[in-house]
Each structure stands twice: as structure tokens, then as C-alpha cells.
PDB file of N, CA and C in Angstrom:
ATOM      1  N   MET A   1     -78.775  56.070 239.470  1.00  0.00           N
ATOM      2  CA  MET A   1     -79.786  55.048 239.440  1.00  0.00           C
ATOM      3  C   MET A   1     -79.262  53.879 238.599  1.00  0.00           C
ATOM      4  N   ALA A   2     -78.999  52.734 239.197  1.00  0.00           N
ATOM      5  CA  ALA A   2     -78.430  51.586 238.502  1.00  0.00           C
ATOM      6  C   ALA A   2     -79.453  50.912 237.605  1.00  0.00           C
ATOM      7  N   GLN A   3     -79.002  50.495 236.443  1.00  0.00           N
ATOM      8  CA  GLN A   3     -79.821  49.764 235.490  1.00  0.00           C
ATOM      9  C   GLN A   3     -78.989  48.619 234.959  1.00  0.00           C
ATOM     10  N   SER A   4     -79.596  47.762 234.139  1.00  0.00           N
ATOM     11  CA  SER A   4     -78.850  46.690 233.516  1.00  0.00           C
ATOM     12  C   SER A   4     -77.880  47.278 232.492  1.00  0.00           C
ATOM     13  N   LYS A   5     -76.608  47.009 232.669  1.00  0.00           N
ATOM     14  CA  LYS A   5     -75.535  47.463 231.780  1.00  0.00           C
ATOM     15  C   LYS A   5     -75.462  48.982 231.630  1.00  0.00           C
ATOM     16  N   GLY A   6     -75.855  49.722 232.661  1.00  0.00           N
ATOM     17  CA  GLY A   6     -75.762  51.180 232.616  1.00  0.00           C
ATOM     18  C   GLY A   6     -76.411  51.814 233.822  1.00  0.00           C
ATOM     19  N   PHE A   7     -76.440  53.151 233.831  1.00  0.00           N
ATOM     20  CA  PHE A   7     -77.080  53.895 234.911  1.00  0.00           C
ATOM     21  C   PHE A   7     -77.323  55.329 234.457  1.00  0.00           C
ATOM     22  N   THR A   8     -78.083  56.071 235.258  1.00  0.00           N
ATOM     23  CA  THR A   8     -78.379  57.471 234.969  1.00  0.00           C
ATOM     24  C   THR A   8     -77.734  58.345 236.034  1.00  0.00           C
ATOM     25  N   VAL A   9     -77.016  59.363 235.594  1.00  0.00           N
ATOM     26  CA  VAL A   9     -76.374  60.316 236.502  1.00  0.00           C
ATOM     27  C   VAL A   9     -77.274  61.546 236.584  1.00  0.00           C
ATOM     28  N   LYS A  10     -77.589  61.992 237.808  1.00  0.00           N
ATOM     29  CA  LYS A  10     -78.421  63.185 238.005  1.00  0.00           C
ATOM     30  C   LYS A  10     -77.667  64.174 238.884  1.00  0.00           C
ATOM     31  N   TRP A  11     -77.866  65.475 238.614  1.00  0.00           N
ATOM     32  CA  TRP A  11     -77.226  66.514 239.412  1.00  0.00           C
ATOM     33  C   TRP A  11     -78.136  67.725 239.481  1.00  0.00           C
ATOM     34  N   LYS A  12     -77.829  68.629 240.423  1.00  0.00           N
ATOM     35  CA  LYS A  12     -78.622  69.855 240.566  1.00  0.00           C
ATOM     36  C   LYS A  12     -78.176  70.878 239.538  1.00  0.00           C
ATOM     37  N   LYS A  13     -79.131  71.629 239.029  1.00  0.00           N
ATOM     38  CA  LYS A  13     -78.841  72.662 238.040  1.00  0.00           C
ATOM     39  C   LYS A  13     -78.124  73.839 238.701  1.00  0.00           C
ATOM     40  N   GLN A  14     -77.054  74.300 238.076  1.00  0.00           N
ATOM     41  CA  GLN A  14     -76.330  75.474 238.541  1.00  0.00           C
ATOM     42  C   GLN A  14     -76.873  76.684 237.797  1.00  0.00           C
ATOM     43  N   LYS A  15     -77.372  77.668 238.517  1.00  0.00           N
ATOM     44  CA  LYS A  15     -78.067  78.789 237.887  1.00  0.00           C
ATOM     45  C   LYS A  15     -77.132  79.844 237.297  1.00  0.00           C
ATOM     46  N   LYS A  16     -75.992  80.066 237.924  1.00  0.00           N
ATOM     47  CA  LYS A  16     -75.122  81.156 237.479  1.00  0.00           C
ATOM     48  C   LYS A  16     -73.806  80.645 236.917  1.00  0.00           C
ATOM     49  N   SER A  17     -73.262  81.392 235.988  1.00  0.00           N
ATOM     50  CA  SER A  17     -71.904  81.189 235.468  1.00  0.00           C
ATOM     51  C   SER A  17     -71.597  79.763 235.018  1.00  0.00           C
ATOM     52  N   THR A  18     -72.523  79.141 234.309  1.00  0.00           N
ATOM     53  CA  THR A  18     -72.285  77.789 233.837  1.00  0.00           C
ATOM     54  C   THR A  18     -72.698  77.655 232.384  1.00  0.00           C
ATOM     55  N   THR A  19     -71.793  77.095 231.571  1.00  0.00           N
ATOM     56  CA  THR A  19     -72.107  76.806 230.184  1.00  0.00           C
ATOM     57  C   THR A  19     -72.598  75.373 230.059  1.00  0.00           C
ATOM     58  N   GLY A  20     -72.013  74.455 230.826  1.00  0.00           N
ATOM     59  CA  GLY A  20     -72.393  73.045 230.767  1.00  0.00           C
ATOM     60  C   GLY A  20     -71.759  72.252 231.884  1.00  0.00           C
ATOM     61  N   TYR A  21     -71.749  70.910 231.707  1.00  0.00           N
ATOM     62  CA  TYR A  21     -71.263  70.010 232.743  1.00  0.00           C
ATOM     63  C   TYR A  21     -70.346  68.956 232.134  1.00  0.00           C
ATOM     64  N   GLN A  22     -69.417  68.455 232.924  1.00  0.00           N
ATOM     65  CA  GLN A  22     -68.580  67.333 232.536  1.00  0.00           C
ATOM     66  C   GLN A  22     -68.809  66.208 233.539  1.00  0.00           C
ATOM     67  N   ILE A  23     -68.986  65.002 233.025  1.00  0.00           N
ATOM     68  CA  ILE A  23     -69.215  63.832 233.865  1.00  0.00           C
ATOM     69  C   ILE A  23     -68.116  62.828 233.565  1.00  0.00           C
ATOM     70  N   GLN A  24     -67.468  62.317 234.591  1.00  0.00           N
ATOM     71  CA  GLN A  24     -66.455  61.288 234.404  1.00  0.00           C
ATOM     72  C   GLN A  24     -66.949  59.988 235.011  1.00  0.00           C
ATOM     73  N   VAL A  25     -66.751  58.883 234.257  1.00  0.00           N
ATOM     74  CA  VAL A  25     -67.122  57.549 234.698  1.00  0.00           C
ATOM     75  C   VAL A  25     -65.874  56.679 234.590  1.00  0.00           C
ATOM     76  N   SER A  26     -65.578  55.947 235.669  1.00  0.00           N
ATOM     77  CA  SER A  26     -64.359  55.149 235.689  1.00  0.00           C
ATOM     78  C   SER A  26     -64.562  53.863 236.478  1.00  0.00           C
ATOM     79  N   THR A  27     -63.723  52.874 236.178  1.00  0.00           N
ATOM     80  CA  THR A  27     -63.711  51.653 236.979  1.00  0.00           C
ATOM     81  C   THR A  27     -62.618  51.732 238.032  1.00  0.00           C
ATOM     82  N   ASN A  28     -61.886  52.845 238.052  1.00  0.00           N
ATOM     83  CA  ASN A  28     -60.784  53.057 238.983  1.00  0.00           C
ATOM     84  C   ASN A  28     -61.137  54.200 239.938  1.00  0.00           C
ATOM     85  N   LYS A  29     -60.950  54.004 241.229  1.00  0.00           N
ATOM     86  CA  LYS A  29     -61.249  55.037 242.236  1.00  0.00           C
ATOM     87  C   LYS A  29     -60.521  56.336 241.980  1.00  0.00           C
ATOM     88  N   LYS A  30     -59.303  56.240 241.466  1.00  0.00           N
ATOM     89  CA  LYS A  30     -58.478  57.427 241.262  1.00  0.00           C
ATOM     90  C   LYS A  30     -58.617  58.001 239.849  1.00  0.00           C
ATOM     91  N   PHE A  31     -59.553  57.480 239.061  1.00  0.00           N
ATOM     92  CA  PHE A  31     -59.849  57.959 237.721  1.00  0.00           C
ATOM     93  C   PHE A  31     -58.617  57.944 236.811  1.00  0.00           C
ATOM     94  N   ALA A  32     -57.958  56.787 236.741  1.00  0.00           N
ATOM     95  CA  ALA A  32     -56.809  56.616 235.843  1.00  0.00           C
ATOM     96  C   ALA A  32     -57.254  56.809 234.395  1.00  0.00           C
ATOM     97  N   LYS A  33     -56.423  57.431 233.581  1.00  0.00           N
ATOM     98  CA  LYS A  33     -56.800  57.802 232.218  1.00  0.00           C
ATOM     99  C   LYS A  33     -57.236  56.632 231.345  1.00  0.00           C
ATOM    100  N   LYS A  34     -56.619  55.471 231.495  1.00  0.00           N
ATOM    101  CA  LYS A  34     -56.928  54.319 230.639  1.00  0.00           C
ATOM    102  C   LYS A  34     -58.353  53.793 230.824  1.00  0.00           C
ATOM    103  N   VAL A  35     -58.918  53.941 232.012  1.00  0.00           N
ATOM    104  CA  VAL A  35     -60.229  53.357 232.301  1.00  0.00           C
ATOM    105  C   VAL A  35     -61.291  54.416 232.608  1.00  0.00           C
ATOM    106  N   THR A  36     -61.049  55.651 232.193  1.00  0.00           N
ATOM    107  CA  THR A  36     -61.974  56.746 232.485  1.00  0.00           C
ATOM    108  C   THR A  36     -62.535  57.336 231.197  1.00  0.00           C
ATOM    109  N   VAL A  37     -63.851  57.595 231.213  1.00  0.00           N
ATOM    110  CA  VAL A  37     -64.527  58.221 230.081  1.00  0.00           C
ATOM    111  C   VAL A  37     -65.115  59.538 230.567  1.00  0.00           C
ATOM    112  N   THR A  38     -64.903  60.613 229.806  1.00  0.00           N
ATOM    113  CA  THR A  38     -65.459  61.922 230.148  1.00  0.00           C
ATOM    114  C   THR A  38     -66.542  62.280 229.145  1.00  0.00           C
ATOM    115  N   LYS A  39     -67.735  62.559 229.642  1.00  0.00           N
ATOM    116  CA  LYS A  39     -68.861  62.991 228.811  1.00  0.00           C
ATOM    117  C   LYS A  39     -69.090  64.472 229.068  1.00  0.00           C
ATOM    118  N   THR A  40     -69.434  65.224 228.018  1.00  0.00           N
ATOM    119  CA  THR A  40     -69.703  66.653 228.149  1.00  0.00           C
ATOM    120  C   THR A  40     -71.154  66.929 227.803  1.00  0.00           C
ATOM    121  N   VAL A  41     -71.833  67.657 228.688  1.00  0.00           N
ATOM    122  CA  VAL A  41     -73.207  68.103 228.456  1.00  0.00           C
ATOM    123  C   VAL A  41     -73.127  69.593 228.186  1.00  0.00           C
ATOM    124  N   LYS A  42     -73.509  70.016 226.991  1.00  0.00           N
ATOM    125  CA  LYS A  42     -73.305  71.404 226.587  1.00  0.00           C
ATOM    126  C   LYS A  42     -74.430  72.350 227.005  1.00  0.00           C
ATOM    127  N   LYS A  43     -75.563  71.799 227.471  1.00  0.00           N
ATOM    128  CA  LYS A  43     -76.678  72.659 227.893  1.00  0.00           C
ATOM    129  C   LYS A  43     -76.688  72.814 229.401  1.00  0.00           C
ATOM    130  N   ASN A  44     -76.810  74.040 229.862  1.00  0.00           N
ATOM    131  CA  ASN A  44     -76.874  74.321 231.291  1.00  0.00           C
ATOM    132  C   ASN A  44     -78.163  73.777 231.911  1.00  0.00           C
ATOM    133  N   SER A  45     -79.244  73.690 231.123  1.00  0.00           N
ATOM    134  CA  SER A  45     -80.543  73.277 231.659  1.00  0.00           C
ATOM    135  C   SER A  45     -80.658  71.765 231.853  1.00  0.00           C
ATOM    136  N   THR A  46     -79.776  70.977 231.269  1.00  0.00           N
ATOM    137  CA  THR A  46     -79.816  69.518 231.402  1.00  0.00           C
ATOM    138  C   THR A  46     -79.326  69.115 232.789  1.00  0.00           C
ATOM    139  N   THR A  47     -80.064  68.201 233.448  1.00  0.00           N
ATOM    140  CA  THR A  47     -79.669  67.786 234.793  1.00  0.00           C
ATOM    141  C   THR A  47     -79.514  66.277 234.950  1.00  0.00           C
ATOM    142  N   LYS A  48     -79.512  65.530 233.851  1.00  0.00           N
ATOM    143  CA  LYS A  48     -79.266  64.090 233.956  1.00  0.00           C
ATOM    144  C   LYS A  48     -78.687  63.563 232.649  1.00  0.00           C
ATOM    145  N   LEU A  49     -77.974  62.441 232.757  1.00  0.00           N
ATOM    146  CA  LEU A  49     -77.336  61.837 231.595  1.00  0.00           C
ATOM    147  C   LEU A  49     -77.349  60.325 231.774  1.00  0.00           C
ATOM    148  N   ALA A  50     -77.791  59.598 230.748  1.00  0.00           N
ATOM    149  CA  ALA A  50     -77.802  58.140 230.782  1.00  0.00           C
ATOM    150  C   ALA A  50     -76.448  57.627 230.299  1.00  0.00           C
ATOM    151  N   ILE A  51     -75.854  56.765 231.080  1.00  0.00           N
ATOM    152  CA  ILE A  51     -74.597  56.115 230.720  1.00  0.00           C
ATOM    153  C   ILE A  51     -74.948  54.673 230.371  1.00  0.00           C
ATOM    154  N   LYS A  52     -74.635  54.260 229.138  1.00  0.00           N
ATOM    155  CA  LYS A  52     -75.040  52.923 228.664  1.00  0.00           C
ATOM    156  C   LYS A  52     -73.842  52.120 228.187  1.00  0.00           C
ATOM    157  N   ARG A  53     -74.112  50.889 227.808  1.00  0.00           N
ATOM    158  CA  ARG A  53     -73.118  49.955 227.264  1.00  0.00           C
ATOM    159  C   ARG A  53     -71.982  49.673 228.239  1.00  0.00           C
ATOM    160  N   LEU A  54     -72.339  49.400 229.475  1.00  0.00           N
ATOM    161  CA  LEU A  54     -71.353  49.058 230.493  1.00  0.00           C
ATOM    162  C   LEU A  54     -71.448  47.569 230.805  1.00  0.00           C
ATOM    163  N   LYS A  55     -70.477  47.073 231.554  1.00  0.00           N
ATOM    164  CA  LYS A  55     -70.482  45.659 231.921  1.00  0.00           C
ATOM    165  C   LYS A  55     -71.405  45.430 233.118  1.00  0.00           C
ATOM    166  N   PRO A  56     -72.167  44.328 233.105  1.00  0.00           N
ATOM    167  CA  PRO A  56     -73.063  44.045 234.234  1.00  0.00           C
ATOM    168  C   PRO A  56     -72.285  43.629 235.485  1.00  0.00           C
ATOM    169  N   LYS A  57     -72.887  43.872 236.648  1.00  0.00           N
ATOM    170  CA  LYS A  57     -72.325  43.510 237.954  1.00  0.00           C
ATOM    171  C   LYS A  57     -70.916  44.057 238.157  1.00  0.00           C
ATOM    172  N   LYS A  58     -70.685  45.284 237.742  1.00  0.00           N
ATOM    173  CA  LYS A  58     -69.362  45.901 237.876  1.00  0.00           C
ATOM    174  C   LYS A  58     -69.508  47.220 238.620  1.00  0.00           C
ATOM    175  N   ARG A  59     -68.473  47.593 239.361  1.00  0.00           N
ATOM    176  CA  ARG A  59     -68.476  48.822 240.152  1.00  0.00           C
ATOM    177  C   ARG A  59     -67.903  49.965 239.308  1.00  0.00           C
ATOM    178  N   TYR A  60     -68.643  51.081 239.258  1.00  0.00           N
ATOM    179  CA  TYR A  60     -68.198  52.271 238.541  1.00  0.00           C
ATOM    180  C   TYR A  60     -68.178  53.461 239.488  1.00  0.00           C
ATOM    181  N   TYR A  61     -67.261  54.384 239.240  1.00  0.00           N
ATOM    182  CA  TYR A  61     -67.128  55.597 240.041  1.00  0.00           C
ATOM    183  C   TYR A  61     -67.481  56.784 239.150  1.00  0.00           C
ATOM    184  N   VAL A  62     -68.261  57.730 239.701  1.00  0.00           N
ATOM    185  CA  VAL A  62     -68.774  58.854 238.915  1.00  0.00           C
ATOM    186  C   VAL A  62     -68.517  60.157 239.652  1.00  0.00           C
ATOM    187  N   ARG A  63     -68.164  61.207 238.882  1.00  0.00           N
ATOM    188  CA  ARG A  63     -68.044  62.546 239.448  1.00  0.00           C
ATOM    189  C   ARG A  63     -68.457  63.570 238.381  1.00  0.00           C
ATOM    190  N   VAL A  64     -68.871  64.754 238.859  1.00  0.00           N
ATOM    191  CA  VAL A  64     -69.410  65.792 237.976  1.00  0.00           C
ATOM    192  C   VAL A  64     -68.750  67.128 238.290  1.00  0.00           C
ATOM    193  N   ARG A  65     -68.598  67.975 237.275  1.00  0.00           N
ATOM    194  CA  ARG A  65     -68.151  69.347 237.489  1.00  0.00           C
ATOM    195  C   ARG A  65     -68.795  70.247 236.433  1.00  0.00           C
ATOM    196  N   THR A  66     -68.824  71.541 236.727  1.00  0.00           N
ATOM    197  CA  THR A  66     -69.365  72.514 235.779  1.00  0.00           C
ATOM    198  C   THR A  66     -68.220  73.171 235.015  1.00  0.00           C
ATOM    199  N   TYR A  67     -68.578  73.742 233.857  1.00  0.00           N
ATOM    200  CA  TYR A  67     -67.583  74.530 233.135  1.00  0.00           C
ATOM    201  C   TYR A  67     -68.254  75.743 232.518  1.00  0.00           C
ATOM    202  N   LYS A  68     -67.461  76.772 232.263  1.00  0.00           N
ATOM    203  CA  LYS A  68     -67.945  77.978 231.609  1.00  0.00           C
ATOM    204  C   LYS A  68     -66.960  78.320 230.509  1.00  0.00           C
ATOM    205  N   THR A  69     -67.494  78.658 229.335  1.00  0.00           N
ATOM    206  CA  THR A  69     -66.654  79.041 228.213  1.00  0.00           C
ATOM    207  C   THR A  69     -66.681  80.554 228.068  1.00  0.00           C
ATOM    208  N   VAL A  70     -65.500  81.173 228.104  1.00  0.00           N
ATOM    209  CA  VAL A  70     -65.364  82.622 227.945  1.00  0.00           C
ATOM    210  C   VAL A  70     -64.342  82.878 226.841  1.00  0.00           C
ATOM    211  N   LYS A  71     -64.790  83.524 225.781  1.00  0.00           N
ATOM    212  CA  LYS A  71     -63.923  83.853 224.631  1.00  0.00           C
ATOM    213  C   LYS A  71     -63.168  82.629 224.116  1.00  0.00           C
ATOM    214  N   GLY A  72     -63.869  81.512 224.034  1.00  0.00           N
ATOM    215  CA  GLY A  72     -63.282  80.289 223.498  1.00  0.00           C
ATOM    216  C   GLY A  72     -62.444  79.479 224.471  1.00  0.00           C
ATOM    217  N   LYS A  73     -62.248  79.975 225.677  1.00  0.00           N
ATOM    218  CA  LYS A  73     -61.464  79.254 226.675  1.00  0.00           C
ATOM    219  C   LYS A  73     -62.396  78.650 227.724  1.00  0.00           C
ATOM    220  N   LYS A  74     -62.136  77.387 228.093  1.00  0.00           N
ATOM    221  CA  LYS A  74     -62.989  76.664 229.022  1.00  0.00           C
ATOM    222  C   LYS A  74     -62.425  76.740 230.439  1.00  0.00           C
ATOM    223  N   TYR A  75     -63.251  77.199 231.391  1.00  0.00           N
ATOM    224  CA  TYR A  75     -62.884  77.262 232.810  1.00  0.00           C
ATOM    225  C   TYR A  75     -63.742  76.251 233.560  1.00  0.00           C
ATOM    226  N   CYS A  76     -63.093  75.371 234.340  1.00  0.00           N
ATOM    227  CA  CYS A  76     -63.811  74.294 235.027  1.00  0.00           C
ATOM    228  C   CYS A  76     -63.784  74.479 236.539  1.00  0.00           C
ATOM    229  N   SER A  77     -64.846  74.010 237.183  1.00  0.00           N
ATOM    230  CA  SER A  77     -64.906  74.012 238.646  1.00  0.00           C
ATOM    231  C   SER A  77     -64.179  72.767 239.160  1.00  0.00           C
ATOM    232  N   GLY A  78     -64.168  72.597 240.457  1.00  0.00           N
ATOM    233  CA  GLY A  78     -63.608  71.375 241.030  1.00  0.00           C
ATOM    234  C   GLY A  78     -64.592  70.231 240.851  1.00  0.00           C
ATOM    235  N   TRP A  79     -64.102  69.015 240.990  1.00  0.00           N
ATOM    236  CA  TRP A  79     -64.967  67.843 240.845  1.00  0.00           C
ATOM    237  C   TRP A  79     -65.844  67.659 242.082  1.00  0.00           C
ATOM    238  N   SER A  80     -67.005  67.066 241.881  1.00  0.00           N
ATOM    239  CA  SER A  80     -67.900  66.736 242.994  1.00  0.00           C
ATOM    240  C   SER A  80     -67.309  65.555 243.766  1.00  0.00           C
ATOM    241  N   LYS A  81     -67.970  65.193 244.868  1.00  0.00           N
ATOM    242  CA  LYS A  81     -67.566  63.991 245.588  1.00  0.00           C
ATOM    243  C   LYS A  81     -67.843  62.795 244.680  1.00  0.00           C
ATOM    244  N   VAL A  82     -67.050  61.758 244.828  1.00  0.00           N
ATOM    245  CA  VAL A  82     -67.179  60.568 243.992  1.00  0.00           C
ATOM    246  C   VAL A  82     -68.324  59.703 244.502  1.00  0.00           C
ATOM    247  N   LYS A  83     -69.179  59.266 243.576  1.00  0.00           N
ATOM    248  CA  LYS A  83     -70.275  58.350 243.902  1.00  0.00           C
ATOM    249  C   LYS A  83     -69.962  56.991 243.276  1.00  0.00           C
ATOM    250  N   THR A  84     -70.366  55.920 243.959  1.00  0.00           N
ATOM    251  CA  THR A  84     -70.139  54.580 243.477  1.00  0.00           C
ATOM    252  C   THR A  84     -71.455  53.963 243.016  1.00  0.00           C
ATOM    253  N   VAL A  85     -71.428  53.316 241.845  1.00  0.00           N
ATOM    254  CA  VAL A  85     -72.614  52.657 241.298  1.00  0.00           C
ATOM    255  C   VAL A  85     -72.219  51.244 240.884  1.00  0.00           C
ATOM    256  N   ILE A  86     -73.060  50.261 241.210  1.00  0.00           N
ATOM    257  CA  ILE A  86     -72.838  48.900 240.763  1.00  0.00           C
ATOM    258  C   ILE A  86     -73.956  48.552 239.787  1.00  0.00           C
ATOM    259  N   THR A  87     -73.581  48.177 238.559  1.00  0.00           N
ATOM    260  CA  THR A  87     -74.584  47.866 237.540  1.00  0.00           C
ATOM    261  C   THR A  87     -75.243  46.526 237.854  1.00  0.00           C
ATOM    262  N   LYS A  88     -76.469  46.378 237.408  1.00  0.00           N
ATOM    263  CA  LYS A  88     -77.207  45.135 237.615  1.00  0.00           C
ATOM    264  C   LYS A  88     -76.855  44.150 236.513  1.00  0.00           C
ATOM    265  N   LYS A  89     -77.293  42.905 236.704  1.00  0.00           N
ATOM    266  CA  LYS A  89     -76.923  41.887 235.701  1.00  0.00           C
ATOM    267  C   LYS A  89     -77.734  41.963 234.437  1.00  0.00           C
TER     268      LYS A  89
END
């Protein structure tokens, strides 16, 4: 959901084998490291995250994946399909 200088990312709750979620936001389609930010949501019950302090009228690419922590080691799923968001002015 696009907002002025930001947006909200929403996803479906995963019921099994999930500790939390990782969300990546980038200005590059291929998620180059220099222009990509990764946010971690540590609660399995959370299904949305507000991304703020972005530039207005700019295109951002977003993807989500789940992770599970077992004995201190983090196991991640594959990334979701990439969604495109354009921020408002």
C-alpha cells in the first residue's frame, strides 16, 4: 500500500515451521547489495510492516521470505515473487 515517502508490506501468516519473516526493499530489480535494505520481523504472528523514510515518486521492489531458527542456526525459505511499489509525492 503506497503512502507518502513510504509504504506498508503485508503478507499471509505461515502457520507451521516459522520463527519470523525477512523483508527486502530495494531500488534495484536484482536487489544489489548497495541499494537493498533487509528488515527482520521476529514474531510469527505479525503480518505487516511499515517501511518509512523513503524518497517520494520513486520505484521500490519488495520481496518476503520466512525463516526458522533451530539450535541457534537460521534456515530460510525461498524469496516470494517481487512486487513493485511507487511512493507518492
